[in-house]
Amino acid sequence: MKKVGILGGTFNPPHLGHLIMANEAFHSIGLDEVRFMPNFIAPHKEVSGANAGQRLEMARLAIDGHAGFRVEDFEIRQGGVSYTYDTMLKLMALEPDTEFYFIIGGDSIADLSSWHRIDELARLVRFIGISRPGYENTTPYPVRMMDSPEMHLSSTMLRDRMAQGRTISFLVPEKVEAFIRKERLYGPECNVAEGEETPS
């Protein structure tokens, strides 16, 4: 069986914390690959500042040159609200010889009970939990916890820094920062609505 890790999220923007999580899971579990999977519309989050196509491109730029990492555009292509259960059910049907691991951070572990059809999802995939400072790792669901270098970094923090005109250098990959500045994302002049533009 091929072992594939899925790291889902808005990636608005992707940052070094995402890469560290993926790298730790990749090496610790012995995965064949980790896929960065941007959602189209997140069930639990308001997404603003970058549209679906821009978030997908930033994910591609973030992993450029990293062997074993790739981008999964399934949820972007599907459109609508991205429910992990529905996505994984379809991916497993397309790839029956693959064992899927879903990588989640400490901020998501305590919220698993609110996920759409979480009981069924927990039977479909194996959860890998990455500890995150300031968050509880308690959940009734089976999560294989992993230690990781601690980094108090989030996409929300980065968007706030950009809105205030502060630097994000060394917090996101250089290519991602260059794209953000080229597209003028997250600054006061940004008014792109989610879903305004999607890739063909």
N, C-alpha and C. Protein backbone atom coordinates (compact mmCIF):
# COMPACT_ATOMS: atom_id res chain seq x y z
N MET A 1 0.84 -1.20 0.00
CA MET A 1 0.00 0.00 0.00
C MET A 1 0.88 1.25 0.00
N LYS A 2 0.52 2.20 -0.84
CA LYS A 2 1.19 3.49 -0.84
C LYS A 2 0.70 4.29 0.36
N LYS A 3 1.61 4.95 1.07
CA LYS A 3 1.25 5.73 2.26
C LYS A 3 1.33 7.21 1.92
N VAL A 4 0.17 7.87 1.96
CA VAL A 4 0.08 9.27 1.57
C VAL A 4 -0.47 10.11 2.72
N GLY A 5 0.23 11.17 3.05
CA GLY A 5 -0.26 12.11 4.04
C GLY A 5 -0.97 13.26 3.35
N ILE A 6 -2.08 13.70 3.93
CA ILE A 6 -2.83 14.84 3.43
C ILE A 6 -2.76 15.97 4.46
N LEU A 7 -2.28 17.11 4.02
CA LEU A 7 -2.28 18.30 4.88
C LEU A 7 -3.26 19.29 4.26
N GLY A 8 -4.44 19.38 4.87
CA GLY A 8 -5.47 20.26 4.33
C GLY A 8 -5.48 21.61 5.02
N GLY A 9 -6.17 22.55 4.42
CA GLY A 9 -6.29 23.87 5.02
C GLY A 9 -6.59 24.93 3.98
N THR A 10 -6.68 26.16 4.44
CA THR A 10 -6.92 27.25 3.49
C THR A 10 -5.62 27.68 2.80
N PHE A 11 -4.48 27.54 3.51
CA PHE A 11 -3.18 27.99 2.99
C PHE A 11 -3.28 29.44 2.52
N ASN A 12 -3.68 30.27 3.47
CA ASN A 12 -4.01 31.67 3.17
C ASN A 12 -3.25 32.64 4.08
N PRO A 13 -1.90 32.68 3.97
CA PRO A 13 -1.03 31.95 3.03
C PRO A 13 -0.39 30.72 3.68
N PRO A 14 0.25 29.86 2.85
CA PRO A 14 1.07 28.78 3.41
C PRO A 14 2.32 29.38 4.04
N HIS A 15 2.80 28.73 5.11
CA HIS A 15 3.97 29.28 5.82
C HIS A 15 4.91 28.15 6.24
N LEU A 16 6.00 28.52 6.90
CA LEU A 16 7.00 27.54 7.27
C LEU A 16 6.47 26.51 8.26
N GLY A 17 5.49 26.90 9.06
CA GLY A 17 4.87 25.94 9.98
C GLY A 17 4.24 24.78 9.23
N HIS A 18 3.58 25.06 8.11
CA HIS A 18 2.99 23.99 7.29
C HIS A 18 4.07 23.04 6.78
N LEU A 19 5.18 23.60 6.31
CA LEU A 19 6.25 22.78 5.78
C LEU A 19 6.88 21.92 6.87
N ILE A 20 7.04 22.48 8.06
CA ILE A 20 7.60 21.71 9.17
C ILE A 20 6.68 20.56 9.54
N MET A 21 5.37 20.83 9.64
CA MET A 21 4.41 19.76 9.93
C MET A 21 4.50 18.64 8.91
N ALA A 22 4.50 19.00 7.65
CA ALA A 22 4.55 18.00 6.58
C ALA A 22 5.84 17.21 6.63
N ASN A 23 6.94 17.89 6.88
CA ASN A 23 8.24 17.23 6.91
C ASN A 23 8.36 16.25 8.07
N GLU A 24 7.86 16.66 9.24
CA GLU A 24 7.90 15.78 10.41
C GLU A 24 7.08 14.52 10.17
N ALA A 25 5.89 14.68 9.62
CA ALA A 25 5.04 13.52 9.33
C ALA A 25 5.67 12.63 8.27
N PHE A 26 6.20 13.24 7.24
CA PHE A 26 6.81 12.51 6.13
C PHE A 26 7.91 11.57 6.63
N HIS A 27 8.80 12.09 7.47
CA HIS A 27 9.93 11.30 7.92
C HIS A 27 9.58 10.38 9.08
N SER A 28 8.76 10.84 10.01
CA SER A 28 8.45 10.04 11.20
C SER A 28 7.57 8.83 10.88
N ILE A 29 6.62 9.03 9.98
CA ILE A 29 5.70 7.94 9.62
C ILE A 29 6.25 7.10 8.48
N GLY A 30 7.18 7.66 7.73
CA GLY A 30 7.70 6.96 6.55
C GLY A 30 6.72 7.00 5.40
N LEU A 31 6.16 8.20 5.16
CA LEU A 31 5.18 8.35 4.09
C LEU A 31 5.88 8.37 2.73
N ASP A 32 5.15 7.96 1.71
CA ASP A 32 5.67 8.03 0.34
C ASP A 32 5.58 9.45 -0.20
N GLU A 33 4.57 10.18 0.25
CA GLU A 33 4.43 11.57 -0.15
C GLU A 33 3.48 12.28 0.79
N VAL A 34 3.57 13.60 0.82
CA VAL A 34 2.61 14.45 1.53
C VAL A 34 1.99 15.39 0.51
N ARG A 35 0.67 15.45 0.51
CA ARG A 35 -0.05 16.33 -0.41
C ARG A 35 -0.62 17.51 0.36
N PHE A 36 -0.33 18.71 -0.12
CA PHE A 36 -0.90 19.93 0.42
C PHE A 36 -2.22 20.17 -0.32
N MET A 37 -3.33 20.15 0.40
CA MET A 37 -4.65 20.19 -0.23
C MET A 37 -5.43 21.43 0.21
N PRO A 38 -5.35 22.52 -0.55
CA PRO A 38 -6.16 23.71 -0.21
C PRO A 38 -7.65 23.42 -0.39
N ASN A 39 -8.47 23.87 0.57
CA ASN A 39 -9.91 23.70 0.39
C ASN A 39 -10.47 24.86 -0.44
N PHE A 40 -11.67 24.66 -0.96
CA PHE A 40 -12.31 25.72 -1.74
C PHE A 40 -13.03 26.68 -0.80
N ILE A 41 -13.99 26.15 -0.04
CA ILE A 41 -14.65 26.92 1.01
C ILE A 41 -14.54 26.10 2.29
N ALA A 42 -13.88 26.65 3.29
CA ALA A 42 -13.70 25.94 4.55
C ALA A 42 -14.98 25.98 5.38
N PRO A 43 -15.41 24.83 5.96
CA PRO A 43 -16.65 24.81 6.74
C PRO A 43 -16.59 25.69 7.98
N HIS A 44 -15.40 25.85 8.58
CA HIS A 44 -15.30 26.52 9.88
C HIS A 44 -14.60 27.87 9.83
N LYS A 45 -14.23 28.33 8.62
CA LYS A 45 -13.45 29.56 8.56
C LYS A 45 -13.97 30.49 7.48
N GLU A 46 -13.87 31.78 7.77
CA GLU A 46 -14.11 32.80 6.76
C GLU A 46 -12.78 33.03 6.05
N VAL A 47 -12.81 32.94 4.72
CA VAL A 47 -11.57 33.10 3.95
C VAL A 47 -11.65 34.39 3.14
N SER A 48 -10.67 35.26 3.36
CA SER A 48 -10.62 36.50 2.60
C SER A 48 -9.18 36.83 2.31
N GLY A 49 -8.97 37.72 1.35
CA GLY A 49 -7.63 38.18 1.04
C GLY A 49 -7.02 37.52 -0.16
N ALA A 50 -7.28 36.24 -0.39
CA ALA A 50 -6.76 35.53 -1.56
C ALA A 50 -7.83 34.58 -2.06
N ASN A 51 -8.01 34.51 -3.36
CA ASN A 51 -9.02 33.61 -3.89
C ASN A 51 -8.47 32.20 -4.03
N ALA A 52 -9.31 31.28 -4.47
CA ALA A 52 -8.93 29.86 -4.52
C ALA A 52 -7.72 29.63 -5.42
N GLY A 53 -7.71 30.27 -6.58
CA GLY A 53 -6.59 30.10 -7.50
C GLY A 53 -5.29 30.62 -6.93
N GLN A 54 -5.35 31.73 -6.23
CA GLN A 54 -4.14 32.29 -5.62
C GLN A 54 -3.63 31.41 -4.48
N ARG A 55 -4.54 30.87 -3.68
CA ARG A 55 -4.12 30.00 -2.59
C ARG A 55 -3.50 28.70 -3.13
N LEU A 56 -4.05 28.19 -4.20
CA LEU A 56 -3.49 26.99 -4.83
C LEU A 56 -2.09 27.26 -5.36
N GLU A 57 -1.91 28.40 -6.01
CA GLU A 57 -0.60 28.74 -6.54
C GLU A 57 0.42 28.95 -5.42
N MET A 58 0.00 29.56 -4.32
CA MET A 58 0.92 29.74 -3.20
C MET A 58 1.34 28.40 -2.61
N ALA A 59 0.41 27.43 -2.56
CA ALA A 59 0.77 26.10 -2.07
C ALA A 59 1.81 25.46 -3.00
N ARG A 60 1.62 25.64 -4.30
CA ARG A 60 2.59 25.10 -5.26
C ARG A 60 3.97 25.74 -5.07
N LEU A 61 3.98 27.04 -4.89
CA LEU A 61 5.24 27.74 -4.71
C LEU A 61 5.92 27.34 -3.39
N ALA A 62 5.11 27.10 -2.36
CA ALA A 62 5.66 26.76 -1.04
C ALA A 62 6.43 25.45 -1.07
N ILE A 63 5.97 24.48 -1.85
CA ILE A 63 6.60 23.15 -1.84
C ILE A 63 7.58 22.97 -2.99
N ASP A 64 7.76 23.97 -3.80
CA ASP A 64 8.64 23.86 -4.96
C ASP A 64 10.05 23.43 -4.52
N GLY A 65 10.52 22.35 -5.11
CA GLY A 65 11.86 21.86 -4.79
C GLY A 65 11.93 20.88 -3.64
N HIS A 66 10.79 20.59 -3.00
CA HIS A 66 10.77 19.65 -1.88
C HIS A 66 10.35 18.26 -2.37
N ALA A 67 11.29 17.36 -2.44
CA ALA A 67 10.98 15.99 -2.87
C ALA A 67 10.01 15.34 -1.88
N GLY A 68 9.01 14.68 -2.41
CA GLY A 68 8.03 14.01 -1.57
C GLY A 68 6.81 14.84 -1.27
N PHE A 69 6.83 16.13 -1.61
CA PHE A 69 5.66 16.99 -1.42
C PHE A 69 5.02 17.27 -2.77
N ARG A 70 3.70 17.33 -2.79
CA ARG A 70 2.98 17.73 -3.99
C ARG A 70 1.69 18.43 -3.59
N VAL A 71 1.06 19.09 -4.55
CA VAL A 71 -0.20 19.77 -4.29
C VAL A 71 -1.35 18.91 -4.79
N GLU A 72 -2.39 18.81 -3.98
CA GLU A 72 -3.62 18.10 -4.35
C GLU A 72 -4.70 19.16 -4.56
N ASP A 73 -5.16 19.30 -5.81
CA ASP A 73 -6.14 20.35 -6.12
C ASP A 73 -7.57 19.83 -6.15
N PHE A 74 -7.81 18.65 -5.56
CA PHE A 74 -9.12 18.00 -5.65
C PHE A 74 -10.25 18.89 -5.14
N GLU A 75 -10.08 19.49 -3.96
CA GLU A 75 -11.17 20.28 -3.38
C GLU A 75 -11.38 21.58 -4.15
N ILE A 76 -10.32 22.16 -4.68
CA ILE A 76 -10.47 23.35 -5.50
C ILE A 76 -11.28 23.02 -6.76
N ARG A 77 -10.96 21.89 -7.39
CA ARG A 77 -11.68 21.49 -8.61
C ARG A 77 -13.13 21.13 -8.31
N GLN A 78 -13.38 20.57 -7.13
CA GLN A 78 -14.75 20.19 -6.78
C GLN A 78 -15.63 21.41 -6.53
N GLY A 79 -15.05 22.46 -5.95
CA GLY A 79 -15.83 23.65 -5.62
C GLY A 79 -16.73 23.41 -4.41
N GLY A 80 -17.47 24.42 -4.01
CA GLY A 80 -18.39 24.29 -2.89
C GLY A 80 -17.68 24.17 -1.55
N VAL A 81 -18.44 23.86 -0.51
CA VAL A 81 -17.88 23.68 0.82
C VAL A 81 -17.06 22.39 0.85
N SER A 82 -15.85 22.47 1.36
CA SER A 82 -14.94 21.32 1.36
C SER A 82 -15.07 20.54 2.66
N TYR A 83 -15.76 19.41 2.61
CA TYR A 83 -15.89 18.54 3.78
C TYR A 83 -14.87 17.40 3.64
N THR A 84 -14.03 17.24 4.65
CA THR A 84 -12.95 16.25 4.57
C THR A 84 -13.48 14.84 4.35
N TYR A 85 -14.59 14.50 5.01
CA TYR A 85 -15.15 13.15 4.84
C TYR A 85 -15.49 12.88 3.37
N ASP A 86 -16.19 13.82 2.74
CA ASP A 86 -16.59 13.63 1.33
C ASP A 86 -15.36 13.53 0.43
N THR A 87 -14.38 14.38 0.70
CA THR A 87 -13.16 14.38 -0.12
C THR A 87 -12.42 13.06 0.01
N MET A 88 -12.21 12.60 1.22
CA MET A 88 -11.43 11.38 1.42
C MET A 88 -12.15 10.16 0.88
N LEU A 89 -13.48 10.16 0.97
CA LEU A 89 -14.24 9.04 0.42
C LEU A 89 -14.00 8.95 -1.09
N LYS A 90 -14.00 10.10 -1.76
CA LYS A 90 -13.79 10.12 -3.21
C LYS A 90 -12.34 9.79 -3.57
N LEU A 91 -11.39 10.32 -2.80
CA LEU A 91 -9.99 10.02 -3.09
C LEU A 91 -9.69 8.53 -2.90
N MET A 92 -10.28 7.93 -1.89
CA MET A 92 -10.05 6.51 -1.65
C MET A 92 -10.65 5.65 -2.75
N ALA A 93 -11.77 6.11 -3.32
CA ALA A 93 -12.37 5.38 -4.44
C ALA A 93 -11.47 5.48 -5.68
N LEU A 94 -10.82 6.64 -5.86
CA LEU A 94 -9.92 6.83 -6.99
C LEU A 94 -8.59 6.11 -6.80
N GLU A 95 -8.18 5.94 -5.55
CA GLU A 95 -6.88 5.34 -5.25
C GLU A 95 -7.04 4.24 -4.20
N PRO A 96 -7.62 3.10 -4.59
CA PRO A 96 -7.91 2.04 -3.62
C PRO A 96 -6.67 1.39 -3.01
N ASP A 97 -5.51 1.56 -3.63
CA ASP A 97 -4.28 0.95 -3.11
C ASP A 97 -3.46 1.92 -2.27
N THR A 98 -4.10 3.00 -1.82
CA THR A 98 -3.41 4.01 -1.02
C THR A 98 -3.96 4.05 0.40
N GLU A 99 -3.06 4.12 1.36
CA GLU A 99 -3.45 4.31 2.76
C GLU A 99 -3.25 5.79 3.08
N PHE A 100 -4.32 6.45 3.50
CA PHE A 100 -4.27 7.90 3.72
C PHE A 100 -4.11 8.25 5.20
N TYR A 101 -3.23 9.21 5.42
CA TYR A 101 -3.00 9.77 6.75
C TYR A 101 -3.38 11.26 6.67
N PHE A 102 -4.19 11.72 7.60
CA PHE A 102 -4.61 13.13 7.59
C PHE A 102 -3.86 13.86 8.69
N ILE A 103 -3.07 14.86 8.30
CA ILE A 103 -2.20 15.58 9.22
C ILE A 103 -2.93 16.81 9.75
N ILE A 104 -3.00 16.93 11.08
CA ILE A 104 -3.69 18.06 11.68
C ILE A 104 -2.82 18.69 12.77
N GLY A 105 -2.97 19.98 12.95
CA GLY A 105 -2.24 20.70 13.99
C GLY A 105 -3.01 20.72 15.29
N GLY A 106 -2.34 21.17 16.34
CA GLY A 106 -2.95 21.20 17.66
C GLY A 106 -4.21 22.03 17.73
N ASP A 107 -4.33 23.05 16.86
CA ASP A 107 -5.52 23.89 16.87
C ASP A 107 -6.75 23.15 16.35
N SER A 108 -6.54 22.04 15.62
CA SER A 108 -7.66 21.27 15.06
C SER A 108 -8.03 20.05 15.89
N ILE A 109 -7.09 19.56 16.70
CA ILE A 109 -7.31 18.30 17.41
C ILE A 109 -8.51 18.39 18.34
N ALA A 110 -8.58 19.46 19.13
CA ALA A 110 -9.68 19.59 20.09
C ALA A 110 -11.02 19.82 19.40
N ASP A 111 -10.99 20.26 18.13
CA ASP A 111 -12.23 20.55 17.41
C ASP A 111 -12.72 19.40 16.55
N LEU A 112 -12.06 18.26 16.61
CA LEU A 112 -12.43 17.15 15.72
C LEU A 112 -13.89 16.74 15.87
N SER A 113 -14.42 16.83 17.07
CA SER A 113 -15.81 16.40 17.29
C SER A 113 -16.81 17.22 16.49
N SER A 114 -16.41 18.42 16.04
CA SER A 114 -17.32 19.27 15.26
C SER A 114 -17.19 19.02 13.75
N TRP A 115 -16.26 18.17 13.34
CA TRP A 115 -16.06 17.93 11.91
C TRP A 115 -17.22 17.13 11.32
N HIS A 116 -17.53 17.40 10.10
CA HIS A 116 -18.61 16.73 9.37
C HIS A 116 -18.35 15.22 9.31
N ARG A 117 -19.28 14.43 9.85
CA ARG A 117 -19.23 12.97 9.82
C ARG A 117 -17.90 12.43 10.34
N ILE A 118 -17.48 12.98 11.47
CA ILE A 118 -16.17 12.65 12.01
C ILE A 118 -16.04 11.17 12.37
N ASP A 119 -17.10 10.53 12.86
CA ASP A 119 -17.00 9.12 13.23
C ASP A 119 -16.66 8.26 12.01
N GLU A 120 -17.32 8.55 10.89
CA GLU A 120 -17.02 7.80 9.67
C GLU A 120 -15.63 8.15 9.15
N LEU A 121 -15.27 9.43 9.23
CA LEU A 121 -13.95 9.87 8.76
C LEU A 121 -12.84 9.18 9.54
N ALA A 122 -13.02 9.04 10.85
CA ALA A 122 -11.99 8.41 11.69
C ALA A 122 -11.77 6.95 11.32
N ARG A 123 -12.75 6.36 10.66
CA ARG A 123 -12.58 4.98 10.20
C ARG A 123 -11.94 4.91 8.82
N LEU A 124 -11.96 6.03 8.10
CA LEU A 124 -11.39 6.06 6.75
C LEU A 124 -9.90 6.36 6.75
N VAL A 125 -9.47 7.28 7.62
CA VAL A 125 -8.09 7.75 7.59
C VAL A 125 -7.45 7.59 8.97
N ARG A 126 -6.14 7.70 8.98
CA ARG A 126 -5.40 7.73 10.23
C ARG A 126 -4.99 9.17 10.48
N PHE A 127 -5.33 9.69 11.64
CA PHE A 127 -4.99 11.07 11.97
C PHE A 127 -3.58 11.14 12.56
N ILE A 128 -2.80 12.08 12.06
CA ILE A 128 -1.50 12.40 12.64
C ILE A 128 -1.61 13.79 13.24
N GLY A 129 -1.37 13.90 14.53
CA GLY A 129 -1.48 15.18 15.21
C GLY A 129 -0.11 15.77 15.50
N ILE A 130 0.05 17.04 15.16
CA ILE A 130 1.30 17.77 15.42
C ILE A 130 1.03 18.76 16.54
N SER A 131 1.76 18.63 17.64
CA SER A 131 1.56 19.53 18.78
C SER A 131 1.79 20.97 18.36
N ARG A 132 1.01 21.87 18.97
CA ARG A 132 1.15 23.29 18.67
C ARG A 132 1.03 24.07 19.97
N PRO A 133 1.91 25.04 20.20
CA PRO A 133 1.91 25.77 21.47
C PRO A 133 0.56 26.41 21.77
N GLY A 134 0.10 26.23 23.01
CA GLY A 134 -1.12 26.89 23.45
C GLY A 134 -2.40 26.15 23.16
N TYR A 135 -2.31 24.93 22.61
CA TYR A 135 -3.52 24.18 22.27
C TYR A 135 -3.52 22.83 22.98
N GLU A 136 -4.72 22.40 23.39
CA GLU A 136 -4.88 21.10 24.03
C GLU A 136 -4.88 20.01 22.96
N ASN A 137 -4.31 18.85 23.30
CA ASN A 137 -4.26 17.73 22.36
C ASN A 137 -5.25 16.64 22.73
N THR A 138 -6.26 16.99 23.54
CA THR A 138 -7.22 16.00 24.02
C THR A 138 -8.35 15.81 23.03
N THR A 139 -8.64 14.54 22.69
CA THR A 139 -9.73 14.22 21.78
C THR A 139 -10.14 12.77 22.00
N PRO A 140 -11.43 12.45 21.84
CA PRO A 140 -11.85 11.05 21.96
C PRO A 140 -11.51 10.21 20.72
N TYR A 141 -11.00 10.85 19.70
CA TYR A 141 -10.72 10.15 18.44
C TYR A 141 -9.27 9.71 18.37
N PRO A 142 -8.99 8.62 17.65
CA PRO A 142 -7.62 8.12 17.58
C PRO A 142 -6.72 9.04 16.77
N VAL A 143 -5.78 9.68 17.44
CA VAL A 143 -4.82 10.58 16.79
C VAL A 143 -3.42 10.16 17.23
N ARG A 144 -2.58 9.89 16.27
CA ARG A 144 -1.18 9.57 16.57
C ARG A 144 -0.41 10.87 16.71
N MET A 145 -0.02 11.21 17.94
CA MET A 145 0.63 12.47 18.19
C MET A 145 2.12 12.39 17.87
N MET A 146 2.65 13.48 17.36
CA MET A 146 4.05 13.58 17.02
C MET A 146 4.63 14.85 17.58
N ASP A 147 5.87 14.75 18.05
CA ASP A 147 6.58 15.95 18.49
C ASP A 147 7.10 16.69 17.26
N SER A 148 7.20 18.00 17.38
CA SER A 148 7.67 18.82 16.28
C SER A 148 8.30 20.08 16.85
N PRO A 149 9.28 20.67 16.18
CA PRO A 149 9.79 21.96 16.64
C PRO A 149 8.65 22.95 16.80
N GLU A 150 8.60 23.62 17.93
CA GLU A 150 7.49 24.53 18.20
C GLU A 150 7.66 25.84 17.45
N MET A 151 6.58 26.24 16.78
CA MET A 151 6.59 27.52 16.07
C MET A 151 5.22 28.15 16.20
N HIS A 152 5.16 29.26 16.90
CA HIS A 152 3.88 29.94 17.10
C HIS A 152 3.61 30.81 15.88
N LEU A 153 3.10 30.16 14.84
CA LEU A 153 2.93 30.82 13.55
C LEU A 153 1.61 30.38 12.95
N SER A 154 0.86 31.33 12.41
CA SER A 154 -0.42 31.01 11.79
C SER A 154 -0.65 31.93 10.59
N SER A 155 -1.51 31.49 9.69
CA SER A 155 -1.86 32.31 8.54
C SER A 155 -2.53 33.61 8.97
N THR A 156 -3.35 33.53 10.01
CA THR A 156 -4.02 34.73 10.53
C THR A 156 -2.99 35.76 10.99
N MET A 157 -1.99 35.31 11.71
CA MET A 157 -0.93 36.20 12.16
C MET A 157 -0.23 36.86 10.98
N LEU A 158 0.04 36.08 9.93
CA LEU A 158 0.74 36.63 8.77
C LEU A 158 -0.13 37.65 8.03
N ARG A 159 -1.41 37.37 7.90
CA ARG A 159 -2.31 38.34 7.25
C ARG A 159 -2.36 39.64 8.05
N ASP A 160 -2.40 39.51 9.38
CA ASP A 160 -2.41 40.70 10.24
C ASP A 160 -1.13 41.50 10.08
N ARG A 161 -0.02 40.82 10.02
CA ARG A 161 1.27 41.52 9.86
C ARG A 161 1.30 42.27 8.53
N MET A 162 0.81 41.62 7.46
CA MET A 162 0.80 42.27 6.15
C MET A 162 -0.12 43.49 6.17
N ALA A 163 -1.28 43.36 6.81
CA ALA A 163 -2.22 44.48 6.88
C ALA A 163 -1.63 45.67 7.63
N GLN A 164 -0.70 45.38 8.55
CA GLN A 164 -0.06 46.44 9.33
C GLN A 164 1.23 46.93 8.67
N GLY A 165 1.56 46.36 7.51
CA GLY A 165 2.78 46.76 6.82
C GLY A 165 4.04 46.19 7.44
N ARG A 166 3.92 45.12 8.21
CA ARG A 166 5.08 44.51 8.87
C ARG A 166 5.65 43.39 8.01
N THR A 167 6.88 43.00 8.28
CA THR A 167 7.57 41.99 7.48
C THR A 167 7.05 40.58 7.75
N ILE A 168 7.08 39.75 6.71
CA ILE A 168 6.80 38.32 6.86
C ILE A 168 8.01 37.50 6.36
N SER A 169 9.12 38.17 6.12
CA SER A 169 10.33 37.48 5.67
C SER A 169 10.76 36.45 6.70
N PHE A 170 11.21 35.29 6.21
CA PHE A 170 11.65 34.15 7.01
C PHE A 170 10.49 33.43 7.70
N LEU A 171 9.26 33.86 7.46
CA LEU A 171 8.08 33.19 8.01
C LEU A 171 7.34 32.41 6.95
N VAL A 172 7.51 32.80 5.69
CA VAL A 172 6.96 32.09 4.54
C VAL A 172 8.11 31.84 3.57
N PRO A 173 7.98 30.83 2.68
CA PRO A 173 9.02 30.64 1.67
C PRO A 173 9.17 31.89 0.81
N GLU A 174 10.39 32.13 0.31
CA GLU A 174 10.66 33.35 -0.44
C GLU A 174 9.74 33.48 -1.66
N LYS A 175 9.47 32.38 -2.34
CA LYS A 175 8.63 32.43 -3.54
C LYS A 175 7.19 32.81 -3.19
N VAL A 176 6.75 32.38 -2.02
CA VAL A 176 5.40 32.73 -1.57
C VAL A 176 5.35 34.22 -1.25
N GLU A 177 6.35 34.72 -0.57
CA GLU A 177 6.37 36.16 -0.26
C GLU A 177 6.40 37.00 -1.53
N ALA A 178 7.18 36.57 -2.51
CA ALA A 178 7.25 37.31 -3.78
C ALA A 178 5.89 37.32 -4.47
N PHE A 179 5.19 36.18 -4.42
CA PHE A 179 3.86 36.10 -5.04
C PHE A 179 2.88 37.01 -4.31
N ILE A 180 2.91 37.00 -2.98
CA ILE A 180 2.01 37.85 -2.19
C ILE A 180 2.21 39.32 -2.56
N ARG A 181 3.45 39.73 -2.70
CA ARG A 181 3.73 41.13 -3.01
C ARG A 181 3.36 41.45 -4.46
N LYS A 182 3.58 40.50 -5.37
CA LYS A 182 3.22 40.73 -6.76
C LYS A 182 1.70 40.88 -6.93
N GLU A 183 0.96 40.03 -6.21
CA GLU A 183 -0.50 40.05 -6.28
C GLU A 183 -1.13 41.08 -5.35
N ARG A 184 -0.31 41.71 -4.52
CA ARG A 184 -0.77 42.70 -3.54
C ARG A 184 -1.85 42.12 -2.61
N LEU A 185 -1.54 40.96 -2.06
CA LEU A 185 -2.47 40.28 -1.16
C LEU A 185 -2.28 40.77 0.28
N TYR A 186 -3.37 40.74 1.02
CA TYR A 186 -3.40 40.95 2.47
C TYR A 186 -3.13 42.37 2.93
N GLY A 187 -2.77 43.25 2.04
CA GLY A 187 -2.59 44.64 2.43
C GLY A 187 -3.92 45.37 2.44
N PRO A 188 -3.94 46.62 2.84
CA PRO A 188 -5.18 47.38 2.90
C PRO A 188 -5.86 47.57 1.54
N GLU A 189 -5.06 47.42 0.44
CA GLU A 189 -5.65 47.61 -0.89
C GLU A 189 -6.29 46.34 -1.43
N CYS A 190 -6.13 45.21 -0.70
CA CYS A 190 -6.65 43.94 -1.20
C CYS A 190 -8.15 43.83 -0.93
N ASN A 191 -8.91 43.55 -1.98
CA ASN A 191 -10.36 43.38 -1.82
C ASN A 191 -10.87 42.21 -2.62
N VAL A 192 -10.04 41.16 -2.79
CA VAL A 192 -10.43 39.99 -3.55
C VAL A 192 -11.33 39.10 -2.73
N ALA A 193 -12.47 38.74 -3.27
CA ALA A 193 -13.41 37.86 -2.55
C ALA A 193 -13.12 36.42 -2.88
N GLU A 194 -13.32 35.54 -1.90
CA GLU A 194 -13.08 34.11 -2.10
C GLU A 194 -14.02 33.59 -3.18
N GLY A 195 -13.43 32.77 -4.08
CA GLY A 195 -14.21 32.17 -5.14
C GLY A 195 -14.37 33.05 -6.35
N GLU A 196 -13.80 34.25 -6.32
CA GLU A 196 -13.95 35.18 -7.45
C GLU A 196 -13.31 34.62 -8.72
N GLU A 197 -12.20 33.90 -8.50
CA GLU A 197 -11.50 33.32 -9.64
C GLU A 197 -11.03 31.95 -9.27
N THR A 198 -11.29 30.97 -10.10
CA THR A 198 -10.83 29.61 -9.84
C THR A 198 -10.07 29.11 -11.05
N PRO A 199 -9.10 28.19 -10.83
CA PRO A 199 -8.33 27.69 -11.96
C PRO A 199 -9.17 26.81 -12.85
N SER A 200 -8.87 26.79 -14.13
CA SER A 200 -9.60 25.94 -15.07
C SER A 200 -9.06 24.52 -15.00
